[in-house]
C-alpha atoms as a PDB file:
ATOM      1  CA  MET A   1      44.086 -36.177  13.838  1.00  0.00           C
ATOM      2  CA  SER A   2      43.415 -33.046  15.864  1.00  0.00           C
ATOM      3  CA  ASP A   3      41.262 -33.201  19.018  1.00  0.00           C
ATOM      4  CA  ALA A   4      40.452 -29.510  18.766  1.00  0.00           C
ATOM      5  CA  THR A   5      36.753 -28.699  19.020  1.00  0.00           C
ATOM      6  CA  PRO A   6      35.493 -27.405  15.690  1.00  0.00           C
ATOM      7  CA  ARG A   7      34.792 -23.705  15.793  1.00  0.00           C
ATOM      8  CA  ARG A   8      31.290 -22.517  14.974  1.00  0.00           C
ATOM      9  CA  PRO A   9      31.214 -20.309  11.894  1.00  0.00           C
ATOM     10  CA  ALA A  10      30.919 -16.647  12.756  1.00  0.00           C
ATOM     11  CA  ARG A  11      27.475 -15.220  12.174  1.00  0.00           C
ATOM     12  CA  ARG A  12      27.491 -12.722   9.331  1.00  0.00           C
ATOM     13  CA  ARG A  13      26.815  -9.175  10.449  1.00  0.00           C
ATOM     14  CA  MET A  14      23.910  -7.440   8.788  1.00  0.00           C
ATOM     15  CA  SER A  15      24.575  -4.437   6.626  1.00  0.00           C
ATOM     16  CA  ARG A  16      22.880  -1.204   7.598  1.00  0.00           C
ATOM     17  CA  ALA A  17      20.340  -1.641   4.798  1.00  0.00           C
ATOM     18  CA  GLU A  18      19.543  -5.205   5.883  1.00  0.00           C
ATOM     19  CA  ARG A  19      19.201  -4.166   9.517  1.00  0.00           C
ATOM     20  CA  GLU A  20      16.923  -1.280   8.592  1.00  0.00           C
ATOM     21  CA  ARG A  21      14.760  -3.554   6.476  1.00  0.00           C
ATOM     22  CA  GLN A  22      14.491  -6.011   9.387  1.00  0.00           C
ATOM     23  CA  MET A  23      13.525  -3.232  11.800  1.00  0.00           C
ATOM     24  CA  LEU A  24      10.832  -1.963   9.423  1.00  0.00           C
ATOM     25  CA  ASP A  25       9.444  -5.478   8.897  1.00  0.00           C
ATOM     26  CA  VAL A  26       9.170  -6.047  12.646  1.00  0.00           C
ATOM     27  CA  ALA A  27       7.816  -2.557  13.338  1.00  0.00           C
ATOM     28  CA  GLU A  28       5.071  -2.942  10.731  1.00  0.00           C
ATOM     29  CA  ASP A  29       4.018  -6.229  12.359  1.00  0.00           C
ATOM     30  CA  VAL A  30       3.972  -4.746  15.864  1.00  0.00           C
ATOM     31  CA  PHE A  31       2.149  -1.577  14.800  1.00  0.00           C
ATOM     32  CA  GLY A  32      -0.444  -3.759  13.078  1.00  0.00           C
ATOM     33  CA  GLU A  33      -0.868  -6.045  16.075  1.00  0.00           C
ATOM     34  CA  ARG A  34      -0.826  -3.485  18.868  1.00  0.00           C
ATOM     35  CA  GLY A  35      -1.912  -0.225  17.266  1.00  0.00           C
ATOM     36  CA  TYR A  36       0.200   2.911  17.325  1.00  0.00           C
ATOM     37  CA  GLN A  37      -0.478   3.973  20.915  1.00  0.00           C
ATOM     38  CA  ALA A  38       0.158   0.549  22.461  1.00  0.00           C
ATOM     39  CA  THR A  39       3.315  -0.159  20.461  1.00  0.00           C
ATOM     40  CA  SER A  40       6.547   0.201  22.412  1.00  0.00           C
ATOM     41  CA  MET A  41      10.039   0.676  21.068  1.00  0.00           C
ATOM     42  CA  ASP A  42      11.181  -1.860  23.677  1.00  0.00           C
ATOM     43  CA  GLU A  43       9.127  -4.625  22.088  1.00  0.00           C
ATOM     44  CA  ILE A  44      10.280  -3.775  18.573  1.00  0.00           C
ATOM     45  CA  ALA A  45      13.920  -3.716  19.694  1.00  0.00           C
ATOM     46  CA  GLU A  46      13.517  -7.039  21.493  1.00  0.00           C
ATOM     47  CA  ARG A  47      11.932  -8.727  18.484  1.00  0.00           C
ATOM     48  CA  CYS A  48      14.703  -7.388  16.261  1.00  0.00           C
ATOM     49  CA  GLY A  49      17.417  -8.515  18.656  1.00  0.00           C
ATOM     50  CA  VAL A  50      18.886  -5.021  18.888  1.00  0.00           C
ATOM     51  CA  SER A  51      19.152  -2.418  21.608  1.00  0.00           C
ATOM     52  CA  LYS A  52      16.558   0.312  21.916  1.00  0.00           C
ATOM     53  CA  PRO A  53      19.262   3.001  21.473  1.00  0.00           C
ATOM     54  CA  MET A  54      20.095   1.443  18.082  1.00  0.00           C
ATOM     55  CA  LEU A  55      16.441   1.698  17.080  1.00  0.00           C
ATOM     56  CA  TYR A  56      16.466   5.388  18.019  1.00  0.00           C
ATOM     57  CA  GLU A  57      19.758   5.857  16.172  1.00  0.00           C
ATOM     58  CA  TYR A  58      18.113   4.641  12.963  1.00  0.00           C
ATOM     59  CA  PHE A  59      14.726   6.333  13.226  1.00  0.00           C
ATOM     60  CA  GLY A  60      14.868   8.987  15.958  1.00  0.00           C
ATOM     61  CA  SER A  61      11.508   8.214  17.573  1.00  0.00           C
ATOM     62  CA  LYS A  62       8.443   5.996  17.372  1.00  0.00           C
ATOM     63  CA  ASP A  63       6.897   8.592  15.053  1.00  0.00           C
ATOM     64  CA  GLY A  64      10.002   8.455  12.885  1.00  0.00           C
ATOM     65  CA  LEU A  65       9.768   4.678  12.722  1.00  0.00           C
ATOM     66  CA  LEU A  66       6.117   4.784  11.655  1.00  0.00           C
ATOM     67  CA  VAL A  67       6.876   7.444   9.032  1.00  0.00           C
ATOM     68  CA  ALA A  68       9.649   5.200   7.687  1.00  0.00           C
ATOM     69  CA  CYS A  69       7.207   2.265   7.507  1.00  0.00           C
ATOM     70  CA  VAL A  70       4.685   4.371   5.591  1.00  0.00           C
ATOM     71  CA  GLY A  71       7.406   5.724   3.302  1.00  0.00           C
ATOM     72  CA  ARG A  72       8.579   2.242   2.412  1.00  0.00           C
ATOM     73  CA  SER A  73       5.013   1.108   1.741  1.00  0.00           C
ATOM     74  CA  LYS A  74       4.484   4.145  -0.498  1.00  0.00           C
ATOM     75  CA  ALA A  75       7.486   3.225  -2.654  1.00  0.00           C
ATOM     76  CA  GLU A  76       6.514  -0.462  -2.793  1.00  0.00           C
ATOM     77  CA  LEU A  77       2.898   0.317  -3.706  1.00  0.00           C
ATOM     78  CA  LEU A  78       3.977   2.538  -6.585  1.00  0.00           C
ATOM     79  CA  ASP A  79       6.380  -0.133  -7.801  1.00  0.00           C
ATOM     80  CA  VAL A  80       3.863  -3.000  -7.784  1.00  0.00           C
ATOM     81  CA  THR A  81       1.062  -1.004  -9.392  1.00  0.00           C
ATOM     82  CA  GLN A  82       3.296   0.380 -12.138  1.00  0.00           C
ATOM     83  CA  LYS A  83       4.702  -3.066 -12.913  1.00  0.00           C
ATOM     84  CA  ALA A  84       1.210  -4.565 -13.029  1.00  0.00           C
ATOM     85  CA  MET A  85      -0.086  -1.892 -15.392  1.00  0.00           C
ATOM     86  CA  ALA A  86       2.954  -2.125 -17.647  1.00  0.00           C
ATOM     87  CA  GLY A  87       1.728  -5.455 -19.052  1.00  0.00           C
ATOM     88  CA  ALA A  88      -1.732  -4.177 -20.009  1.00  0.00           C
ATOM     89  CA  THR A  89      -2.846  -3.474 -23.574  1.00  0.00           C
ATOM     90  CA  THR A  90      -6.021  -1.388 -23.156  1.00  0.00           C
ATOM     91  CA  PRO A  91      -6.991   1.454 -20.784  1.00  0.00           C
ATOM     92  CA  GLU A  92      -9.566  -0.764 -19.059  1.00  0.00           C
ATOM     93  CA  ASP A  93      -6.972  -3.522 -18.631  1.00  0.00           C
ATOM     94  CA  ILE A  94      -4.520  -0.993 -17.219  1.00  0.00           C
ATOM     95  CA  LEU A  95      -7.111   0.123 -14.676  1.00  0.00           C
ATOM     96  CA  SER A  96      -8.067  -3.450 -13.775  1.00  0.00           C
ATOM     97  CA  ARG A  97      -4.477  -4.643 -13.336  1.00  0.00           C
ATOM     98  CA  GLY A  98      -3.619  -1.618 -11.250  1.00  0.00           C
ATOM     99  CA  MET A  99      -6.598  -2.277  -8.980  1.00  0.00           C
ATOM    100  CA  VAL A 100      -5.685  -5.941  -8.556  1.00  0.00           C
ATOM    101  CA  ALA A 101      -2.137  -4.961  -7.610  1.00  0.00           C
ATOM    102  CA  TYR A 102      -3.480  -2.415  -5.114  1.00  0.00           C
ATOM    103  CA  PHE A 103      -5.778  -4.898  -3.368  1.00  0.00           C
ATOM    104  CA  GLU A 104      -3.109  -7.612  -3.319  1.00  0.00           C
ATOM    105  CA  PHE A 105      -0.716  -5.129  -1.739  1.00  0.00           C
ATOM    106  CA  MET A 106      -3.316  -4.219   0.874  1.00  0.00           C
ATOM    107  CA  ASP A 107      -3.792  -7.917   1.622  1.00  0.00           C
ATOM    108  CA  ALA A 108      -0.078  -8.261   2.319  1.00  0.00           C
ATOM    109  CA  HIS A 109      -0.130  -5.229   4.631  1.00  0.00           C
ATOM    110  CA  SER A 110      -3.655  -5.567   6.001  1.00  0.00           C
ATOM    111  CA  LYS A 111      -2.856  -5.209   9.715  1.00  0.00           C
ATOM    112  CA  SER A 112      -0.781  -2.055   9.406  1.00  0.00           C
ATOM    113  CA  PHE A 113      -3.200  -0.608   6.835  1.00  0.00           C
ATOM    114  CA  ALA A 114      -6.140  -1.191   9.181  1.00  0.00           C
ATOM    115  CA  MET A 115      -4.187   0.410  12.029  1.00  0.00           C
ATOM    116  CA  LEU A 116      -3.581   3.588  10.017  1.00  0.00           C
ATOM    117  CA  LEU A 117      -7.277   3.893   9.201  1.00  0.00           C
ATOM    118  CA  ARG A 118      -8.334   2.997  12.730  1.00  0.00           C
ATOM    119  CA  GLU A 119      -6.046   5.495  14.459  1.00  0.00           C
ATOM    120  CA  PRO A 120      -5.595   8.329  11.941  1.00  0.00           C
ATOM    121  CA  MET A 121      -5.197  11.029  14.578  1.00  0.00           C
ATOM    122  CA  ALA A 122      -3.064   9.018  17.018  1.00  0.00           C
ATOM    123  CA  ALA A 123       0.131   9.536  15.049  1.00  0.00           C
ATOM    124  CA  SER A 124       2.066  12.710  14.401  1.00  0.00           C
ATOM    125  CA  ALA A 125       1.363  15.318  11.747  1.00  0.00           C
ATOM    126  CA  GLU A 126       4.400  13.970   9.896  1.00  0.00           C
ATOM    127  CA  THR A 127       2.860  10.485   9.759  1.00  0.00           C
ATOM    128  CA  ILE A 128      -0.485  11.845   8.595  1.00  0.00           C
ATOM    129  CA  GLU A 129       1.310  13.759   5.845  1.00  0.00           C
ATOM    130  CA  ALA A 130       3.177  10.583   4.832  1.00  0.00           C
ATOM    131  CA  VAL A 131      -0.158   8.791   4.430  1.00  0.00           C
ATOM    132  CA  GLU A 132      -1.598  11.711   2.440  1.00  0.00           C
ATOM    133  CA  SER A 133       1.507  11.726   0.262  1.00  0.00           C
ATOM    134  CA  THR A 134       0.843   8.079  -0.577  1.00  0.00           C
ATOM    135  CA  ARG A 135      -2.724   8.967  -1.535  1.00  0.00           C
ATOM    136  CA  ARG A 136      -1.472  11.804  -3.765  1.00  0.00           C
ATOM    137  CA  GLN A 137       0.978   9.432  -5.408  1.00  0.00           C
ATOM    138  CA  GLN A 138      -1.783   6.973  -6.246  1.00  0.00           C
ATOM    139  CA  SER A 139      -4.089   9.814  -7.327  1.00  0.00           C
ATOM    140  CA  THR A 140      -1.560  10.919  -9.936  1.00  0.00           C
ATOM    141  CA  LEU A 141      -1.329   7.366 -11.226  1.00  0.00           C
ATOM    142  CA  ILE A 142      -5.108   6.852 -11.320  1.00  0.00           C
ATOM    143  CA  ALA A 143      -5.829  10.212 -12.953  1.00  0.00           C
ATOM    144  CA  GLY A 144      -3.506   9.337 -15.815  1.00  0.00           C
ATOM    145  CA  VAL A 145      -5.256   6.008 -16.339  1.00  0.00           C
ATOM    146  CA  LEU A 146      -8.743   7.567 -16.209  1.00  0.00           C
ATOM    147  CA  ALA A 147      -7.734  10.139 -18.795  1.00  0.00           C
ATOM    148  CA  MET A 148      -6.932   7.234 -21.151  1.00  0.00           C
ATOM    149  CA  PHE A 149      -9.969   5.233 -20.056  1.00  0.00           C
ATOM    150  CA  ALA A 150     -12.386   8.089 -20.751  1.00  0.00           C
ATOM    151  CA  PRO A 151     -10.502  10.478 -23.064  1.00  0.00           C
ATOM    152  CA  SER A 152     -13.407  12.905 -23.534  1.00  0.00           C
ATOM    153  CA  ALA A 153     -14.016  13.338 -19.792  1.00  0.00           C
ATOM    154  CA  PRO A 154     -13.372  16.908 -18.602  1.00  0.00           C
ATOM    155  CA  ALA A 155     -10.506  17.427 -16.190  1.00  0.00           C
ATOM    156  CA  GLY A 156     -12.920  18.123 -13.347  1.00  0.00           C
ATOM    157  CA  ALA A 157     -14.659  14.768 -13.800  1.00  0.00           C
ATOM    158  CA  VAL A 158     -11.342  12.923 -13.915  1.00  0.00           C
ATOM    159  CA  GLU A 159     -10.201  14.684 -10.754  1.00  0.00           C
ATOM    160  CA  ALA A 160     -13.481  13.954  -8.954  1.00  0.00           C
ATOM    161  CA  TYR A 161     -13.493  10.298  -9.945  1.00  0.00           C
ATOM    162  CA  THR A 162      -9.866   9.971  -8.891  1.00  0.00           C
ATOM    163  CA  GLU A 163     -10.744  11.145  -5.380  1.00  0.00           C
ATOM    164  CA  ILE A 164     -13.797   8.877  -5.299  1.00  0.00           C
ATOM    165  CA  ILE A 165     -11.674   5.886  -6.314  1.00  0.00           C
ATOM    166  CA  ILE A 166      -9.020   6.590  -3.680  1.00  0.00           C
ATOM    167  CA  GLY A 167     -11.622   6.766  -0.921  1.00  0.00           C
ATOM    168  CA  ALA A 168     -13.687   3.860  -2.205  1.00  0.00           C
ATOM    169  CA  SER A 169     -10.628   1.635  -2.640  1.00  0.00           C
ATOM    170  CA  GLU A 170      -9.612   2.203   0.973  1.00  0.00           C
ATOM    171  CA  ARG A 171     -13.107   1.408   2.209  1.00  0.00           C
ATOM    172  CA  LEU A 172     -13.298  -1.663  -0.016  1.00  0.00           C
ATOM    173  CA  ALA A 173      -9.899  -2.878   1.219  1.00  0.00           C
ATOM    174  CA  GLN A 174     -11.028  -2.364   4.807  1.00  0.00           C
ATOM    175  CA  TRP A 175     -14.306  -4.208   4.117  1.00  0.00           C
ATOM    176  CA  ARG A 176     -12.353  -7.132   2.665  1.00  0.00           C
ATOM    177  CA  THR A 177     -10.528  -7.651   5.971  1.00  0.00           C
ATOM    178  CA  ARG A 178     -13.934  -8.861   7.221  1.00  0.00           C
ATOM    179  CA  ARG A 179     -14.773 -10.657   3.956  1.00  0.00           C
ATOM    180  CA  PRO A 180     -11.671 -12.710   3.098  1.00  0.00           C
ATOM    181  CA  GLU A 181     -13.656 -14.717   0.541  1.00  0.00           C
ATOM    182  CA  VAL A 182     -13.714 -11.628  -1.715  1.00  0.00           C
ATOM    183  CA  SER A 183     -10.574 -11.894  -3.825  1.00  0.00           C
ATOM    184  CA  ALA A 184      -8.406  -9.024  -5.004  1.00  0.00           C
ATOM    185  CA  GLN A 185      -9.590  -9.785  -8.541  1.00  0.00           C
ATOM    186  CA  GLU A 186     -13.252  -9.470  -7.501  1.00  0.00           C
ATOM    187  CA  ALA A 187     -12.603  -6.208  -5.686  1.00  0.00           C
ATOM    188  CA  ALA A 188     -10.776  -4.865  -8.754  1.00  0.00           C
ATOM    189  CA  ARG A 189     -13.725  -5.853 -10.955  1.00  0.00           C
ATOM    190  CA  HIS A 190     -16.120  -3.970  -8.679  1.00  0.00           C
ATOM    191  CA  MET A 191     -13.980  -0.840  -8.956  1.00  0.00           C
ATOM    192  CA  THR A 192     -13.543  -1.164 -12.707  1.00  0.00           C
ATOM    193  CA  ASP A 193     -17.300  -1.657 -13.183  1.00  0.00           C
ATOM    194  CA  PHE A 194     -17.920   1.384 -11.007  1.00  0.00           C
ATOM    195  CA  CYS A 195     -15.602   3.484 -13.166  1.00  0.00           C
ATOM    196  CA  ARG A 196     -17.105   2.183 -16.394  1.00  0.00           C
ATOM    197  CA  HIS A 197     -20.670   2.998 -15.367  1.00  0.00           C
ATOM    198  CA  GLY A 198     -19.854   6.340 -13.790  1.00  0.00           C
ATOM    199  CA  LEU A 199     -17.761   7.541 -16.712  1.00  0.00           C
ATOM    200  CA  SER A 200     -19.932   5.901 -19.372  1.00  0.00           C
ATOM    201  CA  PRO A 201     -20.917   9.223 -21.030  1.00  0.00           C
ATOM    202  CA  TYR A 202     -17.229   9.852 -21.770  1.00  0.00           C
ATOM    203  CA  LEU A 203     -16.155   6.401 -22.952  1.00  0.00           C
ATOM    204  CA  PRO A 204     -15.055   6.016 -26.592  1.00  0.00           C
ATOM    205  CA  ASP A 205     -17.901   3.547 -27.260  1.00  0.00           C
ATOM    206  CA  ALA A 206     -20.574   5.673 -25.566  1.00  0.00           C
ATOM    207  CA  GLY A 207     -23.831   5.295 -27.443  1.00  0.00           C
ATOM    208  CA  GLU A 208     -23.033   1.851 -28.774  1.00  0.00           C
ATOM    209  CA  ALA A 209     -25.494  -0.851 -27.856  1.00  0.00           C
ATOM    210  CA  GLY A 210     -24.872  -3.084 -24.890  1.00  0.00           C
ATOM    211  CA  PRO A 211     -22.572  -2.868 -21.869  1.00  0.00           C
ATOM    212  CA  ALA A 212     -18.815  -3.168 -22.116  1.00  0.00           C
ATOM    213  CA  PRO A 213     -17.592  -6.813 -22.092  1.00  0.00           C
ATOM    214  CA  ARG A 214     -16.574  -8.282 -18.732  1.00  0.00           C
END
């Protein structure tokens, strides 16, 4: 029987994609906790267990890291909202499911979301554009749903309501950080009711007696 001390298994090295995902996860947490200005690349590198030069190698700068965080969130938000709406059977259900997915996503990213709204001018122009690009992405999605929801609505009304919904959804998500008892489903119902009442002249059942079922 050998007296040799058993060797500890070698720790598996992360792939570049895994390491990048870890860095983004940590960076989003730190940005949310500290705010953009107070966040340091040293702290993010330390929490990740990597050197600061490696962090710069991946993202170039703190601005680049924040842009990458926003870009990832943009892709994830589109994915979750599209998947949620794919299971719906009516335009109103599509809108409702999309709203629920949006508010649930904001719950999962509430700290970093609040930071972006709290410090909109603290970041670079590139970061601001990344946030606006996310809004445009969601606007395209919402406009398509509203066109089905209220098929007789003129393009101008659809465009206006799309912008109203984008702004109102952000404010509602921010409000819910102070009102955790308001569920994503409740917030989605508020937004869907708002759309139904505002676009009521253009709904297919306009003129029929009674409000739409809830």
